[in-house]
Amino acid sequence: MAVGVFWRVVFFAALWWIWAGDKPASWWFGAPAVLSAAFMAARRVGDESHRVRMRGLGMFLIYFVRASFQGGVDVAWRAMSPRMRLRPGFIEYPLRLDARRAPAVFFANIISLLPGTLSVELGETSVMVHAIDLEAPVEAQLQELERRIAAMFVAGEGA
């Protein structure tokens, strides 16, 4: 399990670095968040083995940076707009990924890193998501995110 936690820490730290940039002060919050996420993910998925496809990881990182930028611009635009086009609420998104496996836990964590969405609860067959605008194509965006995460992971032996 220690090796699994180590690689989860490396993975979440890389995501934090991509998200927060090279601001050393961000690690005051980032380090505890990365460690917490790694230990919670290890506890949630246990000792199962999943390998990451390098091509899938590369494609996911490109997608993640683009989606983060687009989401950030959208949230900023809404905040600066006099009418603040907001219709916040919850959506229960049906998972196609197995909720007991690492890819589903990763999916739920990434939802919270993208601007305008927050995963609230990972259930057995769905994830509850809070969005700032239910009139936006939230479900389509979640489907695309889930598809890209599924393409990134390969189940290892014993999984």
N, C-alpha and C. Protein backbone atom coordinates (compact mmCIF):
# COMPACT_ATOMS: atom_id res chain seq x y z
N MET A 1 0.82 -1.20 0.00
CA MET A 1 0.00 0.00 0.00
C MET A 1 0.87 1.26 0.00
N ALA A 2 2.03 1.20 0.64
CA ALA A 2 2.90 2.38 0.71
C ALA A 2 3.34 2.82 -0.68
N VAL A 3 3.63 1.87 -1.56
CA VAL A 3 4.04 2.22 -2.92
C VAL A 3 2.87 2.88 -3.65
N GLY A 4 1.66 2.35 -3.45
CA GLY A 4 0.48 2.94 -4.07
C GLY A 4 0.24 4.37 -3.60
N VAL A 5 0.42 4.61 -2.30
CA VAL A 5 0.25 5.96 -1.76
C VAL A 5 1.32 6.88 -2.33
N PHE A 6 2.56 6.39 -2.42
CA PHE A 6 3.64 7.21 -2.97
C PHE A 6 3.30 7.69 -4.38
N TRP A 7 2.85 6.77 -5.25
CA TRP A 7 2.55 7.16 -6.63
C TRP A 7 1.32 8.06 -6.70
N ARG A 8 0.40 7.88 -5.78
CA ARG A 8 -0.75 8.78 -5.74
C ARG A 8 -0.29 10.19 -5.32
N VAL A 9 0.62 10.27 -4.37
CA VAL A 9 1.15 11.57 -3.96
C VAL A 9 1.86 12.23 -5.14
N VAL A 10 2.67 11.48 -5.85
CA VAL A 10 3.37 12.03 -7.02
C VAL A 10 2.36 12.53 -8.05
N PHE A 11 1.35 11.73 -8.31
CA PHE A 11 0.34 12.08 -9.31
C PHE A 11 -0.45 13.32 -8.90
N PHE A 12 -0.96 13.34 -7.66
CA PHE A 12 -1.73 14.50 -7.20
C PHE A 12 -0.85 15.75 -7.08
N ALA A 13 0.41 15.58 -6.72
CA ALA A 13 1.33 16.72 -6.64
C ALA A 13 1.56 17.30 -8.03
N ALA A 14 1.70 16.43 -9.03
CA ALA A 14 1.86 16.92 -10.41
C ALA A 14 0.62 17.69 -10.85
N LEU A 15 -0.54 17.17 -10.52
CA LEU A 15 -1.78 17.88 -10.87
C LEU A 15 -1.85 19.23 -10.15
N TRP A 16 -1.45 19.24 -8.87
CA TRP A 16 -1.48 20.50 -8.12
C TRP A 16 -0.53 21.51 -8.76
N TRP A 17 0.67 21.05 -9.12
CA TRP A 17 1.65 21.94 -9.72
C TRP A 17 1.12 22.51 -11.03
N ILE A 18 0.47 21.67 -11.84
CA ILE A 18 -0.11 22.15 -13.11
C ILE A 18 -1.19 23.17 -12.82
N TRP A 19 -2.01 22.89 -11.83
CA TRP A 19 -3.15 23.75 -11.52
C TRP A 19 -2.72 25.06 -10.87
N ALA A 20 -1.81 24.99 -9.90
CA ALA A 20 -1.44 26.18 -9.11
C ALA A 20 -0.22 26.91 -9.70
N GLY A 21 0.50 26.26 -10.57
CA GLY A 21 1.68 26.90 -11.15
C GLY A 21 2.87 26.83 -10.21
N ASP A 22 3.84 27.69 -10.46
CA ASP A 22 5.08 27.64 -9.69
C ASP A 22 5.08 28.61 -8.51
N LYS A 23 3.95 28.74 -7.86
CA LYS A 23 3.84 29.63 -6.70
C LYS A 23 4.13 28.82 -5.43
N PRO A 24 5.30 29.01 -4.84
CA PRO A 24 5.65 28.23 -3.64
C PRO A 24 4.63 28.37 -2.52
N ALA A 25 4.01 29.53 -2.39
CA ALA A 25 3.03 29.74 -1.32
C ALA A 25 1.81 28.84 -1.47
N SER A 26 1.51 28.40 -2.69
CA SER A 26 0.34 27.55 -2.91
C SER A 26 0.50 26.19 -2.23
N TRP A 27 1.74 25.81 -1.95
CA TRP A 27 1.97 24.50 -1.33
C TRP A 27 1.59 24.47 0.15
N TRP A 28 1.38 25.64 0.77
CA TRP A 28 0.88 25.63 2.16
C TRP A 28 -0.49 24.96 2.20
N PHE A 29 -1.27 25.18 1.17
CA PHE A 29 -2.56 24.50 1.05
C PHE A 29 -2.42 23.22 0.23
N GLY A 30 -1.60 23.26 -0.81
CA GLY A 30 -1.48 22.14 -1.73
C GLY A 30 -0.91 20.88 -1.11
N ALA A 31 0.12 21.00 -0.29
CA ALA A 31 0.74 19.81 0.30
C ALA A 31 -0.24 19.02 1.16
N PRO A 32 -0.96 19.68 2.09
CA PRO A 32 -1.94 18.90 2.86
C PRO A 32 -3.06 18.34 1.97
N ALA A 33 -3.47 19.11 0.95
CA ALA A 33 -4.53 18.64 0.04
C ALA A 33 -4.05 17.41 -0.75
N VAL A 34 -2.83 17.46 -1.25
CA VAL A 34 -2.27 16.35 -2.01
C VAL A 34 -2.16 15.11 -1.13
N LEU A 35 -1.62 15.27 0.07
CA LEU A 35 -1.47 14.12 0.98
C LEU A 35 -2.83 13.55 1.37
N SER A 36 -3.78 14.43 1.67
CA SER A 36 -5.12 13.96 2.03
C SER A 36 -5.76 13.21 0.87
N ALA A 37 -5.67 13.77 -0.32
CA ALA A 37 -6.26 13.12 -1.49
C ALA A 37 -5.62 11.76 -1.75
N ALA A 38 -4.30 11.69 -1.60
CA ALA A 38 -3.60 10.43 -1.85
C ALA A 38 -4.00 9.36 -0.83
N PHE A 39 -4.06 9.72 0.43
CA PHE A 39 -4.44 8.74 1.46
C PHE A 39 -5.91 8.35 1.35
N MET A 40 -6.78 9.32 1.04
CA MET A 40 -8.20 8.99 0.88
C MET A 40 -8.41 8.10 -0.34
N ALA A 41 -7.71 8.39 -1.42
CA ALA A 41 -7.84 7.57 -2.62
C ALA A 41 -7.33 6.15 -2.35
N ALA A 42 -6.20 6.04 -1.64
CA ALA A 42 -5.66 4.72 -1.32
C ALA A 42 -6.62 3.94 -0.43
N ARG A 43 -7.23 4.63 0.50
CA ARG A 43 -8.18 3.98 1.40
C ARG A 43 -9.44 3.58 0.66
N ARG A 44 -9.87 4.43 -0.25
CA ARG A 44 -11.11 4.18 -1.00
C ARG A 44 -10.96 3.02 -1.97
N VAL A 45 -9.83 2.96 -2.69
CA VAL A 45 -9.67 1.95 -3.71
C VAL A 45 -8.81 0.77 -3.26
N GLY A 46 -8.20 0.85 -2.10
CA GLY A 46 -7.42 -0.26 -1.58
C GLY A 46 -6.15 -0.49 -2.36
N ASP A 47 -5.76 -1.75 -2.48
CA ASP A 47 -4.49 -2.11 -3.10
C ASP A 47 -4.61 -2.47 -4.58
N GLU A 48 -5.73 -2.19 -5.17
CA GLU A 48 -5.88 -2.54 -6.58
C GLU A 48 -4.83 -1.84 -7.42
N SER A 49 -4.55 -2.42 -8.52
CA SER A 49 -3.50 -1.88 -9.38
C SER A 49 -4.11 -1.32 -10.65
N HIS A 50 -3.75 -0.11 -10.97
CA HIS A 50 -4.13 0.51 -12.23
C HIS A 50 -2.89 1.18 -12.80
N ARG A 51 -2.67 0.92 -14.05
CA ARG A 51 -1.57 1.59 -14.72
C ARG A 51 -2.14 2.73 -15.53
N VAL A 52 -1.31 3.72 -15.77
CA VAL A 52 -1.72 4.87 -16.55
C VAL A 52 -1.09 4.75 -17.93
N ARG A 53 -1.90 4.86 -18.95
CA ARG A 53 -1.39 4.89 -20.33
C ARG A 53 -0.73 6.24 -20.55
N MET A 54 0.51 6.25 -20.98
CA MET A 54 1.23 7.51 -21.17
C MET A 54 0.55 8.38 -22.22
N ARG A 55 0.10 7.79 -23.31
CA ARG A 55 -0.60 8.57 -24.33
C ARG A 55 -1.89 9.13 -23.75
N GLY A 56 -2.61 8.31 -23.01
CA GLY A 56 -3.85 8.77 -22.37
C GLY A 56 -3.59 9.88 -21.36
N LEU A 57 -2.48 9.76 -20.61
CA LEU A 57 -2.11 10.79 -19.64
C LEU A 57 -1.79 12.11 -20.35
N GLY A 58 -1.02 12.02 -21.43
CA GLY A 58 -0.69 13.22 -22.18
C GLY A 58 -1.93 13.90 -22.74
N MET A 59 -2.82 13.11 -23.31
CA MET A 59 -4.06 13.67 -23.86
C MET A 59 -4.93 14.25 -22.74
N PHE A 60 -4.95 13.57 -21.59
CA PHE A 60 -5.73 14.08 -20.47
C PHE A 60 -5.17 15.41 -19.96
N LEU A 61 -3.86 15.51 -19.84
CA LEU A 61 -3.26 16.75 -19.33
C LEU A 61 -3.55 17.93 -20.26
N ILE A 62 -3.49 17.69 -21.56
CA ILE A 62 -3.84 18.75 -22.53
C ILE A 62 -5.30 19.15 -22.33
N TYR A 63 -6.17 18.15 -22.23
CA TYR A 63 -7.59 18.42 -22.01
C TYR A 63 -7.81 19.18 -20.70
N PHE A 64 -7.14 18.74 -19.63
CA PHE A 64 -7.32 19.33 -18.31
C PHE A 64 -6.91 20.80 -18.29
N VAL A 65 -5.76 21.11 -18.89
CA VAL A 65 -5.30 22.50 -18.93
C VAL A 65 -6.28 23.35 -19.73
N ARG A 66 -6.72 22.84 -20.88
CA ARG A 66 -7.67 23.59 -21.71
C ARG A 66 -9.00 23.78 -20.99
N ALA A 67 -9.52 22.71 -20.37
CA ALA A 67 -10.81 22.81 -19.66
C ALA A 67 -10.69 23.73 -18.44
N SER A 68 -9.56 23.71 -17.76
CA SER A 68 -9.35 24.60 -16.61
C SER A 68 -9.34 26.06 -17.06
N PHE A 69 -8.65 26.33 -18.16
CA PHE A 69 -8.60 27.69 -18.68
C PHE A 69 -9.99 28.15 -19.12
N GLN A 70 -10.67 27.34 -19.91
CA GLN A 70 -12.01 27.70 -20.39
C GLN A 70 -12.97 27.89 -19.22
N GLY A 71 -12.91 26.99 -18.24
CA GLY A 71 -13.78 27.09 -17.08
C GLY A 71 -13.47 28.33 -16.25
N GLY A 72 -12.18 28.64 -16.10
CA GLY A 72 -11.79 29.84 -15.36
C GLY A 72 -12.28 31.11 -16.03
N VAL A 73 -12.15 31.17 -17.36
CA VAL A 73 -12.64 32.33 -18.10
C VAL A 73 -14.16 32.44 -17.95
N ASP A 74 -14.86 31.30 -18.04
CA ASP A 74 -16.31 31.31 -17.91
C ASP A 74 -16.75 31.79 -16.52
N VAL A 75 -16.11 31.28 -15.48
CA VAL A 75 -16.47 31.68 -14.11
C VAL A 75 -16.16 33.16 -13.90
N ALA A 76 -15.01 33.62 -14.39
CA ALA A 76 -14.66 35.04 -14.26
C ALA A 76 -15.66 35.91 -15.01
N TRP A 77 -16.05 35.50 -16.21
CA TRP A 77 -17.02 36.25 -17.00
C TRP A 77 -18.35 36.35 -16.25
N ARG A 78 -18.78 35.25 -15.68
CA ARG A 78 -20.04 35.25 -14.92
C ARG A 78 -19.94 36.18 -13.71
N ALA A 79 -18.81 36.14 -13.02
CA ALA A 79 -18.63 36.98 -11.83
C ALA A 79 -18.58 38.46 -12.17
N MET A 80 -18.02 38.80 -13.33
CA MET A 80 -17.87 40.20 -13.73
C MET A 80 -19.12 40.74 -14.43
N SER A 81 -19.95 39.86 -14.91
CA SER A 81 -21.15 40.26 -15.64
C SER A 81 -22.16 40.90 -14.69
N PRO A 82 -22.80 41.99 -15.11
CA PRO A 82 -23.80 42.63 -14.24
C PRO A 82 -24.96 41.70 -13.88
N ARG A 83 -25.31 40.78 -14.79
CA ARG A 83 -26.44 39.88 -14.53
C ARG A 83 -26.00 38.58 -13.85
N MET A 84 -24.70 38.31 -13.79
CA MET A 84 -24.16 37.11 -13.15
C MET A 84 -25.01 35.88 -13.49
N ARG A 85 -24.94 35.43 -14.73
CA ARG A 85 -25.73 34.29 -15.19
C ARG A 85 -25.40 33.05 -14.34
N LEU A 86 -26.10 32.92 -13.26
CA LEU A 86 -25.90 31.78 -12.37
C LEU A 86 -27.23 31.07 -12.13
N ARG A 87 -27.19 29.79 -12.21
CA ARG A 87 -28.32 28.95 -11.81
C ARG A 87 -27.72 27.73 -11.12
N PRO A 88 -27.21 27.95 -9.90
CA PRO A 88 -26.51 26.86 -9.22
C PRO A 88 -27.46 25.75 -8.81
N GLY A 89 -26.89 24.59 -8.69
CA GLY A 89 -27.68 23.45 -8.24
C GLY A 89 -26.88 22.17 -8.32
N PHE A 90 -27.57 21.08 -8.05
CA PHE A 90 -26.93 19.76 -8.01
C PHE A 90 -27.40 18.91 -9.18
N ILE A 91 -26.50 18.08 -9.64
CA ILE A 91 -26.83 17.10 -10.66
C ILE A 91 -26.27 15.76 -10.19
N GLU A 92 -27.07 14.72 -10.31
CA GLU A 92 -26.58 13.38 -9.99
C GLU A 92 -26.15 12.74 -11.29
N TYR A 93 -24.84 12.59 -11.44
CA TYR A 93 -24.28 12.09 -12.68
C TYR A 93 -24.09 10.58 -12.58
N PRO A 94 -24.70 9.81 -13.48
CA PRO A 94 -24.54 8.34 -13.43
C PRO A 94 -23.15 7.92 -13.92
N LEU A 95 -22.43 7.21 -13.08
CA LEU A 95 -21.07 6.77 -13.41
C LEU A 95 -21.09 5.62 -14.40
N ARG A 96 -20.19 5.68 -15.35
CA ARG A 96 -19.92 4.55 -16.22
C ARG A 96 -18.69 3.81 -15.70
N LEU A 97 -17.85 4.53 -14.95
CA LEU A 97 -16.69 3.93 -14.30
C LEU A 97 -17.15 3.20 -13.05
N ASP A 98 -16.42 2.17 -12.66
CA ASP A 98 -16.73 1.44 -11.43
C ASP A 98 -16.36 2.31 -10.23
N ALA A 99 -17.34 2.67 -9.41
CA ALA A 99 -17.13 3.59 -8.28
C ALA A 99 -16.14 3.06 -7.26
N ARG A 100 -15.87 1.76 -7.26
CA ARG A 100 -14.93 1.19 -6.29
C ARG A 100 -13.50 1.20 -6.80
N ARG A 101 -13.26 1.71 -7.97
CA ARG A 101 -11.94 1.67 -8.59
C ARG A 101 -11.30 3.05 -8.66
N ALA A 102 -9.98 3.05 -8.82
CA ALA A 102 -9.20 4.29 -8.86
C ALA A 102 -9.68 5.29 -9.91
N PRO A 103 -10.02 4.87 -11.13
CA PRO A 103 -10.45 5.88 -12.11
C PRO A 103 -11.68 6.69 -11.66
N ALA A 104 -12.62 6.06 -10.98
CA ALA A 104 -13.82 6.78 -10.51
C ALA A 104 -13.46 7.77 -9.40
N VAL A 105 -12.57 7.38 -8.52
CA VAL A 105 -12.13 8.28 -7.45
C VAL A 105 -11.38 9.47 -8.06
N PHE A 106 -10.54 9.18 -9.03
CA PHE A 106 -9.81 10.24 -9.73
C PHE A 106 -10.80 11.18 -10.42
N PHE A 107 -11.80 10.62 -11.07
CA PHE A 107 -12.84 11.41 -11.75
C PHE A 107 -13.51 12.36 -10.76
N ALA A 108 -13.92 11.85 -9.61
CA ALA A 108 -14.59 12.69 -8.60
C ALA A 108 -13.66 13.80 -8.11
N ASN A 109 -12.38 13.50 -7.96
CA ASN A 109 -11.42 14.52 -7.51
C ASN A 109 -11.20 15.59 -8.58
N ILE A 110 -11.10 15.19 -9.82
CA ILE A 110 -10.84 16.14 -10.90
C ILE A 110 -12.05 17.06 -11.11
N ILE A 111 -13.25 16.56 -10.91
CA ILE A 111 -14.45 17.41 -11.03
C ILE A 111 -14.29 18.64 -10.15
N SER A 112 -13.77 18.44 -8.95
CA SER A 112 -13.62 19.55 -8.00
C SER A 112 -12.50 20.51 -8.39
N LEU A 113 -11.57 20.07 -9.21
CA LEU A 113 -10.48 20.95 -9.63
C LEU A 113 -10.88 21.83 -10.81
N LEU A 114 -11.91 21.46 -11.53
CA LEU A 114 -12.33 22.25 -12.68
C LEU A 114 -13.25 23.38 -12.22
N PRO A 115 -13.03 24.59 -12.71
CA PRO A 115 -13.83 25.74 -12.27
C PRO A 115 -15.32 25.56 -12.58
N GLY A 116 -16.14 25.90 -11.59
CA GLY A 116 -17.58 25.87 -11.77
C GLY A 116 -18.26 24.59 -11.34
N THR A 117 -17.47 23.58 -10.96
CA THR A 117 -18.05 22.31 -10.50
C THR A 117 -17.35 21.84 -9.24
N LEU A 118 -18.08 21.05 -8.48
CA LEU A 118 -17.55 20.49 -7.24
C LEU A 118 -18.22 19.14 -7.02
N SER A 119 -17.42 18.09 -6.86
CA SER A 119 -18.04 16.79 -6.57
C SER A 119 -18.37 16.77 -5.08
N VAL A 120 -19.58 16.35 -4.79
CA VAL A 120 -20.08 16.39 -3.42
C VAL A 120 -20.03 15.01 -2.78
N GLU A 121 -20.41 14.00 -3.56
CA GLU A 121 -20.44 12.65 -3.00
C GLU A 121 -20.25 11.63 -4.11
N LEU A 122 -19.37 10.67 -3.88
CA LEU A 122 -19.17 9.56 -4.81
C LEU A 122 -19.94 8.37 -4.27
N GLY A 123 -21.01 8.01 -4.98
CA GLY A 123 -21.82 6.87 -4.57
C GLY A 123 -21.41 5.61 -5.32
N GLU A 124 -22.18 4.55 -5.14
CA GLU A 124 -21.89 3.28 -5.80
C GLU A 124 -22.09 3.34 -7.31
N THR A 125 -23.08 4.13 -7.75
CA THR A 125 -23.40 4.17 -9.18
C THR A 125 -23.43 5.58 -9.76
N SER A 126 -23.18 6.58 -8.92
CA SER A 126 -23.25 7.97 -9.40
C SER A 126 -22.37 8.87 -8.56
N VAL A 127 -22.18 10.08 -9.06
CA VAL A 127 -21.48 11.11 -8.31
C VAL A 127 -22.38 12.34 -8.28
N MET A 128 -22.54 12.90 -7.09
CA MET A 128 -23.33 14.11 -6.94
C MET A 128 -22.40 15.29 -7.18
N VAL A 129 -22.81 16.18 -8.09
CA VAL A 129 -21.98 17.31 -8.50
C VAL A 129 -22.75 18.60 -8.30
N HIS A 130 -22.08 19.61 -7.73
CA HIS A 130 -22.66 20.95 -7.63
C HIS A 130 -22.06 21.75 -8.78
N ALA A 131 -22.92 22.46 -9.50
CA ALA A 131 -22.48 23.29 -10.62
C ALA A 131 -23.01 24.70 -10.43
N ILE A 132 -22.28 25.68 -10.95
CA ILE A 132 -22.72 27.07 -10.78
C ILE A 132 -23.82 27.44 -11.77
N ASP A 133 -24.00 26.63 -12.81
CA ASP A 133 -25.05 26.93 -13.79
C ASP A 133 -25.57 25.63 -14.40
N LEU A 134 -26.77 25.25 -13.99
CA LEU A 134 -27.36 24.02 -14.50
C LEU A 134 -27.85 24.17 -15.94
N GLU A 135 -27.88 25.39 -16.46
CA GLU A 135 -28.27 25.58 -17.85
C GLU A 135 -27.09 25.35 -18.79
N ALA A 136 -25.88 25.32 -18.26
CA ALA A 136 -24.69 25.00 -19.05
C ALA A 136 -24.70 23.49 -19.32
N PRO A 137 -23.96 23.05 -20.33
CA PRO A 137 -23.94 21.61 -20.65
C PRO A 137 -23.08 20.79 -19.68
N VAL A 138 -23.46 20.82 -18.42
CA VAL A 138 -22.66 20.17 -17.36
C VAL A 138 -22.55 18.67 -17.60
N GLU A 139 -23.66 18.02 -17.91
CA GLU A 139 -23.63 16.57 -18.10
C GLU A 139 -22.74 16.18 -19.27
N ALA A 140 -22.80 16.92 -20.36
CA ALA A 140 -21.93 16.63 -21.52
C ALA A 140 -20.46 16.81 -21.15
N GLN A 141 -20.16 17.83 -20.35
CA GLN A 141 -18.78 18.06 -19.92
C GLN A 141 -18.30 16.94 -19.02
N LEU A 142 -19.17 16.45 -18.14
CA LEU A 142 -18.81 15.33 -17.27
C LEU A 142 -18.59 14.06 -18.08
N GLN A 143 -19.42 13.84 -19.10
CA GLN A 143 -19.24 12.66 -19.96
C GLN A 143 -17.89 12.70 -20.66
N GLU A 144 -17.52 13.88 -21.15
CA GLU A 144 -16.22 14.03 -21.83
C GLU A 144 -15.08 13.79 -20.85
N LEU A 145 -15.17 14.35 -19.66
CA LEU A 145 -14.15 14.14 -18.63
C LEU A 145 -14.03 12.67 -18.28
N GLU A 146 -15.16 12.01 -18.07
CA GLU A 146 -15.15 10.59 -17.71
C GLU A 146 -14.55 9.74 -18.84
N ARG A 147 -14.87 10.07 -20.07
CA ARG A 147 -14.34 9.33 -21.22
C ARG A 147 -12.81 9.46 -21.27
N ARG A 148 -12.32 10.66 -21.04
CA ARG A 148 -10.87 10.89 -21.10
C ARG A 148 -10.15 10.19 -19.95
N ILE A 149 -10.77 10.16 -18.79
CA ILE A 149 -10.16 9.46 -17.65
C ILE A 149 -10.16 7.96 -17.90
N ALA A 150 -11.23 7.42 -18.43
CA ALA A 150 -11.30 5.99 -18.75
C ALA A 150 -10.20 5.63 -19.75
N ALA A 151 -9.94 6.50 -20.71
CA ALA A 151 -8.91 6.24 -21.73
C ALA A 151 -7.51 6.31 -21.14
N MET A 152 -7.38 6.95 -20.00
CA MET A 152 -6.07 7.13 -19.38
C MET A 152 -5.63 5.91 -18.56
N PHE A 153 -6.58 5.18 -17.99
CA PHE A 153 -6.26 4.08 -17.08
C PHE A 153 -6.36 2.72 -17.75
N VAL A 154 -5.48 1.81 -17.32
CA VAL A 154 -5.53 0.41 -17.72
C VAL A 154 -5.56 -0.39 -16.43
N ALA A 155 -6.52 -1.27 -16.29
CA ALA A 155 -6.58 -2.11 -15.09
C ALA A 155 -5.39 -3.04 -15.06
N GLY A 156 -4.74 -3.11 -13.90
CA GLY A 156 -3.58 -3.99 -13.74
C GLY A 156 -4.00 -5.37 -13.30
N GLU A 157 -3.03 -6.20 -13.06
CA GLU A 157 -3.32 -7.56 -12.62
C GLU A 157 -3.95 -7.53 -11.23
N GLY A 158 -4.95 -8.36 -11.07
CA GLY A 158 -5.62 -8.47 -9.79
C GLY A 158 -6.68 -7.40 -9.60
N ALA A 159 -6.85 -6.52 -10.54
CA ALA A 159 -7.86 -5.47 -10.39
C ALA A 159 -9.16 -5.89 -10.98
